[in-house]
Amino acid sequence: MACTIKPEEVKRVKGQGFLNNKGTNLFSARVITVNGKLSVEQTRTIAEAAEKFGNGDVLFTTRLTIEVRGIPFENIVPFQEFIAKAGLETGGTGSVVRPVVSCKGTTCQYGLYDTYQLSEKIHERFYKSYHMVKLPHKFKIATGGCPNNCVKPDLNDLGIVGQLVPNFDEDMCNGCKKCQVEAACPMKAAKVEDGILNIDKDICNNCGRCIGVCPFDAIEDGTPGFIIYIGGRWGKHAAVAKPLSKVFTSEEEMLDTVEAAILFFREQGKTGERFSETIERLGFEVVEKELLSRDILNRKQEIIDAQLHVVGGATC
């Protein structure tokens, strides 16, 4: 059996988050979870919607959205209206900022910041507010709570990783033969040399595991912050993102830099290329300089209003 729905209608509803089930007149609804966290009411609503409008199957995508399969074309609008009662919506397709993916750093023992809270801010500020802003291609964002990188921030167009930079008080260090800080460091960046602890900044990933373990309070606390990775992607042509050289200690400055990256991609990217290709074409140093200066934010409305990428490069 082939799909008999008009191609323009298939394309239209795809833009709303309904993907045609190959060879049928049925669709899968992509329900946005914001960051993979749902309330009991929302979970119940999705289950009821799957039974009422679809074939009863509920699937999870790799980016923490939910797909309800087997929805007839005529059930698309009733499905949207039904889940809207629980504050849910469909979407997540096209050459735009995609739904953010978050690890569970909020509750994880290694989490260095509230990842759910931050990802909700990103969802509102960049997924929702930029939803009608066409980009050269899709733009994926991931928020990771610590350098364990469970959510793979460096394989996204932009990734955020929590940091806790150790504040080492050399005067409090006793140069112990069995140093608790050295033993606790998973990166082997901390070593006692010539009677004093040394932390190799080129190896240390600011995971915070050494904070508070010294019995003499040599590293009693740390400075919280964020690292931003740019230019990652996964798929047919993989690329590992590189971190900007700055550790952001201000959440607002970090979010402004995320916005600068989106605006830069819209203005400087060529239709059909991913952010990693834009960075490779222009050079990482050039892109980093632009993002850290954030002068591009002063031209935000001009860039958004420009007639760019009317047909983006994303096909899925």
Protein backbone atom coordinates (compact mmCIF):
# COMPACT_ATOMS: atom_id res chain seq x y z
CA MET A 1 0.00 0.00 0.00
CA ALA A 2 1.25 3.50 -0.85
CA CYS A 3 0.43 6.76 0.87
CA THR A 4 -2.44 8.51 -0.93
CA ILE A 5 -2.25 11.77 1.05
CA LYS A 6 -1.15 14.67 -1.16
CA PRO A 7 2.63 15.33 -0.89
CA GLU A 8 2.06 18.97 0.07
CA GLU A 9 -0.15 17.84 2.96
CA VAL A 10 2.45 15.30 4.09
CA LYS A 11 5.04 18.09 4.07
CA ARG A 12 2.73 20.49 5.90
CA VAL A 13 1.96 18.15 8.80
CA LYS A 14 5.61 17.08 8.99
CA GLY A 15 6.35 20.69 9.86
CA GLN A 16 3.95 20.25 12.79
CA GLY A 17 5.73 17.10 14.01
CA PHE A 18 3.75 14.37 12.21
CA LEU A 19 5.93 11.97 10.22
CA ASN A 20 4.38 9.70 7.62
CA ASN A 21 4.62 5.98 8.37
CA LYS A 22 6.28 4.58 5.25
CA GLY A 23 3.86 3.10 2.72
CA THR A 24 0.70 4.04 4.65
CA ASN A 25 -1.74 6.89 5.28
CA LEU A 26 -0.75 6.83 8.95
CA PHE A 27 1.52 9.20 10.86
CA SER A 28 3.70 9.27 13.95
CA ALA A 29 3.20 12.27 16.20
CA ARG A 30 6.40 13.65 17.69
CA VAL A 31 5.47 14.98 21.14
CA ILE A 32 7.88 17.47 22.71
CA THR A 33 8.86 16.63 26.30
CA VAL A 34 10.98 19.81 26.72
CA ASN A 35 13.88 17.85 28.26
CA GLY A 36 12.69 14.27 28.74
CA LYS A 37 10.79 15.03 31.95
CA LEU A 38 7.02 14.46 32.09
CA SER A 39 4.42 14.82 34.82
CA VAL A 40 2.12 11.94 35.72
CA GLU A 41 -0.75 13.78 34.04
CA GLN A 42 1.22 14.24 30.84
CA THR A 43 2.31 10.61 30.79
CA ARG A 44 -1.28 9.49 31.28
CA THR A 45 -2.48 11.85 28.54
CA ILE A 46 0.03 10.49 26.03
CA ALA A 47 -1.01 6.91 26.80
CA GLU A 48 -4.69 7.79 26.38
CA ALA A 49 -3.99 9.70 23.14
CA ALA A 50 -2.08 6.73 21.72
CA GLU A 51 -5.02 4.46 22.44
CA LYS A 52 -7.67 6.93 21.30
CA PHE A 53 -6.09 8.33 18.12
CA GLY A 54 -3.24 5.98 17.21
CA ASN A 55 -2.43 2.26 17.30
CA GLY A 56 -1.52 2.20 20.99
CA ASP A 57 2.26 2.28 20.51
CA VAL A 58 4.42 4.88 22.29
CA LEU A 59 8.09 5.16 21.32
CA PHE A 60 10.99 7.24 22.64
CA THR A 61 13.31 8.96 20.19
CA THR A 62 17.04 9.35 20.70
CA ARG A 63 16.46 13.03 21.56
CA LEU A 64 14.02 12.47 24.41
CA THR A 65 10.84 13.22 22.48
CA ILE A 66 7.95 10.76 22.30
CA GLU A 67 6.37 9.36 19.16
CA VAL A 68 2.81 8.07 19.06
CA ARG A 69 2.43 5.81 16.02
CA GLY A 70 -0.37 4.89 13.67
CA ILE A 71 -2.38 8.13 13.65
CA PRO A 72 -4.73 8.54 10.65
CA PHE A 73 -4.51 11.88 8.82
CA GLU A 74 -7.97 12.89 9.99
CA ASN A 75 -6.96 12.34 13.63
CA ILE A 76 -4.04 14.78 13.57
CA VAL A 77 -5.93 17.87 14.73
CA PRO A 78 -8.00 15.99 17.38
CA PHE A 79 -4.73 14.47 18.67
CA GLN A 80 -3.12 17.91 19.00
CA GLU A 81 -6.15 19.31 20.80
CA PHE A 82 -6.27 16.34 23.18
CA ILE A 83 -2.63 16.52 24.33
CA ALA A 84 -2.75 20.33 24.54
CA LYS A 85 -4.98 19.96 27.60
CA ALA A 86 -1.93 18.58 29.45
CA GLY A 87 0.36 21.33 28.15
CA LEU A 88 1.89 19.16 25.44
CA GLU A 89 2.56 19.94 21.79
CA THR A 90 3.99 18.31 18.70
CA GLY A 91 6.96 19.53 16.66
CA GLY A 92 10.72 19.06 16.59
CA THR A 93 11.29 18.92 12.82
CA GLY A 94 12.78 21.22 10.21
CA SER A 95 15.77 23.53 9.77
CA VAL A 96 15.33 25.21 13.12
CA VAL A 97 16.58 24.97 16.70
CA ARG A 98 15.56 21.45 17.76
CA PRO A 99 14.28 20.40 21.20
CA VAL A 100 17.04 20.42 23.80
CA VAL A 101 18.38 17.15 25.22
CA SER A 102 19.36 17.05 28.88
CA CYS A 103 21.04 14.58 31.19
CA LYS A 104 19.68 14.08 34.72
CA GLY A 105 22.34 16.25 36.31
CA THR A 106 19.69 17.82 38.54
CA THR A 107 19.56 14.65 40.64
CA CYS A 108 22.77 12.86 39.61
CA GLN A 109 25.54 12.63 42.23
CA TYR A 110 27.99 14.05 39.68
CA GLY A 111 25.73 16.86 38.44
CA LEU A 112 27.29 20.31 38.82
CA TYR A 113 24.15 22.35 38.06
CA ASP A 114 20.39 21.99 37.68
CA THR A 115 20.23 20.62 34.13
CA TYR A 116 16.43 20.41 34.02
CA GLN A 117 16.05 24.05 35.02
CA LEU A 118 18.62 25.19 32.46
CA SER A 119 17.18 23.05 29.67
CA GLU A 120 13.72 24.49 30.35
CA LYS A 121 15.16 28.00 29.95
CA ILE A 122 16.82 26.96 26.69
CA HIS A 123 13.55 25.41 25.48
CA GLU A 124 11.65 28.64 26.04
CA ARG A 125 14.34 31.02 24.83
CA PHE A 126 15.63 29.15 21.80
CA TYR A 127 13.24 26.37 20.78
CA LYS A 128 10.01 28.30 21.34
CA SER A 129 11.15 31.87 20.62
CA TYR A 130 13.21 30.87 17.57
CA HIS A 131 10.71 28.36 16.23
CA MET A 132 9.86 30.44 13.15
CA VAL A 133 13.50 31.38 12.43
CA LYS A 134 14.80 29.25 9.56
CA LEU A 135 18.44 28.13 9.77
CA PRO A 136 20.74 26.58 7.17
CA HIS A 137 20.05 23.20 8.75
CA LYS A 138 18.82 21.75 12.02
CA PHE A 139 20.56 22.99 15.17
CA LYS A 140 20.78 20.56 18.11
CA ILE A 141 21.58 21.58 21.69
CA ALA A 142 22.49 19.30 24.61
CA THR A 143 23.01 20.17 28.27
CA GLY A 144 25.36 17.96 30.27
CA GLY A 145 25.64 18.26 34.03
CA CYS A 146 29.31 17.28 34.28
CA PRO A 147 32.33 16.23 32.17
CA ASN A 148 31.12 12.61 32.16
CA ASN A 149 29.25 13.78 29.03
CA CYS A 150 26.48 11.17 29.27
CA VAL A 151 24.27 13.21 26.95
CA LYS A 152 27.14 13.62 24.45
CA PRO A 153 27.27 17.44 24.28
CA ASP A 154 30.28 17.27 21.96
CA LEU A 155 28.25 15.43 19.31
CA ASN A 156 25.67 18.21 19.10
CA ASP A 157 25.80 21.45 17.14
CA LEU A 158 26.16 23.11 20.54
CA GLY A 159 26.76 21.44 23.88
CA ILE A 160 26.90 22.81 27.41
CA VAL A 161 28.92 21.04 30.09
CA GLY A 162 28.91 21.87 33.80
CA GLN A 163 32.19 22.87 35.43
CA LEU A 164 33.47 23.23 38.98
CA VAL A 165 36.92 24.81 38.84
CA PRO A 166 38.86 23.83 42.01
CA ASN A 167 40.07 26.70 44.17
CA PHE A 168 43.44 25.42 45.38
CA ASP A 169 44.89 27.13 48.46
CA GLU A 170 48.60 26.31 48.27
CA ASP A 171 49.20 27.60 51.81
CA MET A 172 46.91 24.90 53.22
CA CYS A 173 48.64 22.05 51.36
CA ASN A 174 50.82 19.77 53.52
CA GLY A 175 52.23 17.80 50.58
CA CYS A 176 51.00 14.50 52.03
CA LYS A 177 52.66 11.34 50.69
CA LYS A 178 49.19 9.82 50.33
CA CYS A 179 47.31 12.82 48.97
CA GLN A 180 43.52 12.46 49.11
CA VAL A 181 43.10 14.92 46.24
CA GLU A 182 45.47 12.94 44.04
CA ALA A 183 43.63 9.74 44.90
CA ALA A 184 40.22 11.28 44.13
CA CYS A 185 41.16 12.78 40.76
CA PRO A 186 39.74 10.57 37.95
CA MET A 187 41.77 12.44 35.32
CA LYS A 188 45.11 11.98 37.15
CA ALA A 189 45.62 15.73 36.81
CA ALA A 190 46.51 16.20 40.51
CA LYS A 191 49.93 15.07 41.73
CA VAL A 192 52.15 15.90 44.70
CA GLU A 193 55.52 17.02 43.37
CA ASP A 194 58.38 18.38 45.44
CA GLY A 195 56.18 18.47 48.54
CA ILE A 196 53.31 20.44 47.04
CA LEU A 197 50.15 19.53 45.16
CA ASN A 198 50.12 20.45 41.49
CA ILE A 199 46.99 20.43 39.31
CA ASP A 200 47.70 20.24 35.60
CA LYS A 201 45.22 22.66 34.00
CA ASP A 202 45.67 20.99 30.61
CA ILE A 203 44.44 17.67 32.01
CA CYS A 204 41.94 18.79 34.66
CA ASN A 205 38.37 18.76 33.30
CA ASN A 206 36.87 20.62 36.30
CA CYS A 207 34.67 17.71 37.34
CA GLY A 208 34.71 18.82 40.99
CA ARG A 209 35.51 15.38 42.38
CA CYS A 210 38.45 16.78 44.37
CA ILE A 211 36.40 19.43 46.16
CA GLY A 212 36.33 18.93 49.93
CA VAL A 213 38.39 15.72 50.05
CA CYS A 214 41.57 17.30 51.47
CA PRO A 215 41.58 16.95 55.29
CA PHE A 216 43.55 20.21 55.50
CA ASP A 217 41.05 22.17 53.34
CA ALA A 218 43.52 22.83 50.52
CA ILE A 219 40.60 22.59 48.06
CA GLU A 220 37.61 23.52 50.17
CA ASP A 221 35.45 24.81 47.32
CA GLY A 222 35.32 25.52 43.60
CA THR A 223 33.99 28.06 41.12
CA PRO A 224 30.90 26.80 39.25
CA GLY A 225 30.62 27.44 35.54
CA PHE A 226 29.94 26.12 32.06
CA ILE A 227 31.94 25.11 29.01
CA ILE A 228 30.35 25.52 25.57
CA TYR A 229 31.20 23.07 22.78
CA ILE A 230 30.44 24.04 19.18
CA GLY A 231 30.34 22.15 15.91
CA GLY A 232 29.51 18.58 16.86
CA ARG A 233 27.31 16.25 14.83
CA TRP A 234 26.48 12.58 14.53
CA GLY A 235 25.33 10.58 11.55
CA LYS A 236 26.74 9.97 8.07
CA HIS A 237 29.36 12.67 8.54
CA ALA A 238 30.39 12.81 12.19
CA ALA A 239 32.29 15.68 13.80
CA VAL A 240 33.44 16.13 17.40
CA ALA A 241 32.77 19.60 18.79
CA LYS A 242 35.54 21.81 20.17
CA PRO A 243 35.16 23.82 23.39
CA LEU A 244 35.32 27.58 23.47
CA SER A 245 38.37 28.66 25.44
CA LYS A 246 36.37 30.40 28.16
CA VAL A 247 34.78 28.90 31.27
CA PHE A 248 31.54 30.86 31.71
CA THR A 249 30.84 31.63 35.36
CA SER A 250 27.67 33.57 34.51
CA GLU A 251 24.65 31.61 33.28
CA GLU A 252 23.27 34.67 31.49
CA GLU A 253 26.54 35.28 29.65
CA MET A 254 26.62 31.62 28.68
CA LEU A 255 23.04 31.78 27.32
CA ASP A 256 23.85 34.98 25.43
CA THR A 257 26.73 33.11 23.79
CA VAL A 258 24.37 30.28 22.82
CA GLU A 259 22.13 32.87 21.17
CA ALA A 260 25.13 34.40 19.43
CA ALA A 261 25.97 30.97 17.99
CA ILE A 262 22.45 30.53 16.60
CA LEU A 263 22.47 34.01 15.05
CA PHE A 264 25.96 33.47 13.63
CA PHE A 265 24.88 30.18 12.04
CA ARG A 266 21.84 31.84 10.49
CA GLU A 267 23.86 34.71 9.06
CA GLN A 268 27.08 32.96 8.03
CA GLY A 269 25.94 29.40 7.32
CA LYS A 270 25.15 28.28 3.79
CA THR A 271 21.78 26.66 3.20
CA GLY A 272 22.17 22.90 3.58
CA GLU A 273 25.31 22.86 5.71
CA ARG A 274 25.48 21.96 9.38
CA PHE A 275 27.11 24.24 11.94
CA SER A 276 30.21 21.99 11.96
CA GLU A 277 30.66 22.68 8.23
CA THR A 278 30.25 26.42 8.74
CA ILE A 279 32.95 26.34 11.43
CA GLU A 280 35.26 24.23 9.26
CA ARG A 281 34.78 26.59 6.30
CA LEU A 282 35.36 29.81 8.28
CA GLY A 283 37.83 28.50 10.86
CA PHE A 284 37.26 27.76 14.54
CA GLU A 285 39.30 30.77 15.72
CA VAL A 286 37.22 33.15 13.58
CA VAL A 287 33.93 31.72 14.87
CA GLU A 288 35.11 31.71 18.50
CA LYS A 289 36.18 35.34 18.26
CA GLU A 290 32.76 36.33 16.93
CA LEU A 291 30.85 34.39 19.59
CA LEU A 292 32.93 35.64 22.51
CA SER A 293 32.70 39.25 21.36
CA ARG A 294 28.93 38.76 21.03
CA ASP A 295 28.72 41.86 18.82
CA ILE A 296 26.36 39.83 16.68
CA LEU A 297 23.70 40.17 19.39
CA ASN A 298 23.48 43.88 18.58
CA ARG A 299 22.22 42.90 15.11
CA LYS A 300 19.80 40.25 16.35
CA GLN A 301 16.61 41.65 14.80
CA GLU A 302 18.34 42.45 11.53
CA ILE A 303 19.57 38.86 11.22
CA ILE A 304 16.20 37.37 12.19
CA ASP A 305 14.33 39.59 9.70
CA ALA A 306 16.69 38.80 6.82
CA GLN A 307 15.29 36.61 4.03
CA LEU A 308 17.69 33.72 4.56
CA HIS A 309 17.34 29.95 4.20
CA VAL A 310 13.69 30.08 3.10
CA VAL A 311 14.13 26.38 2.34
CA GLY A 312 16.43 24.87 4.94
CA GLY A 313 18.64 21.82 4.50
CA ALA A 314 17.06 19.46 7.05
CA THR A 315 15.31 16.42 5.58
CA CYS A 316 14.49 14.65 8.84
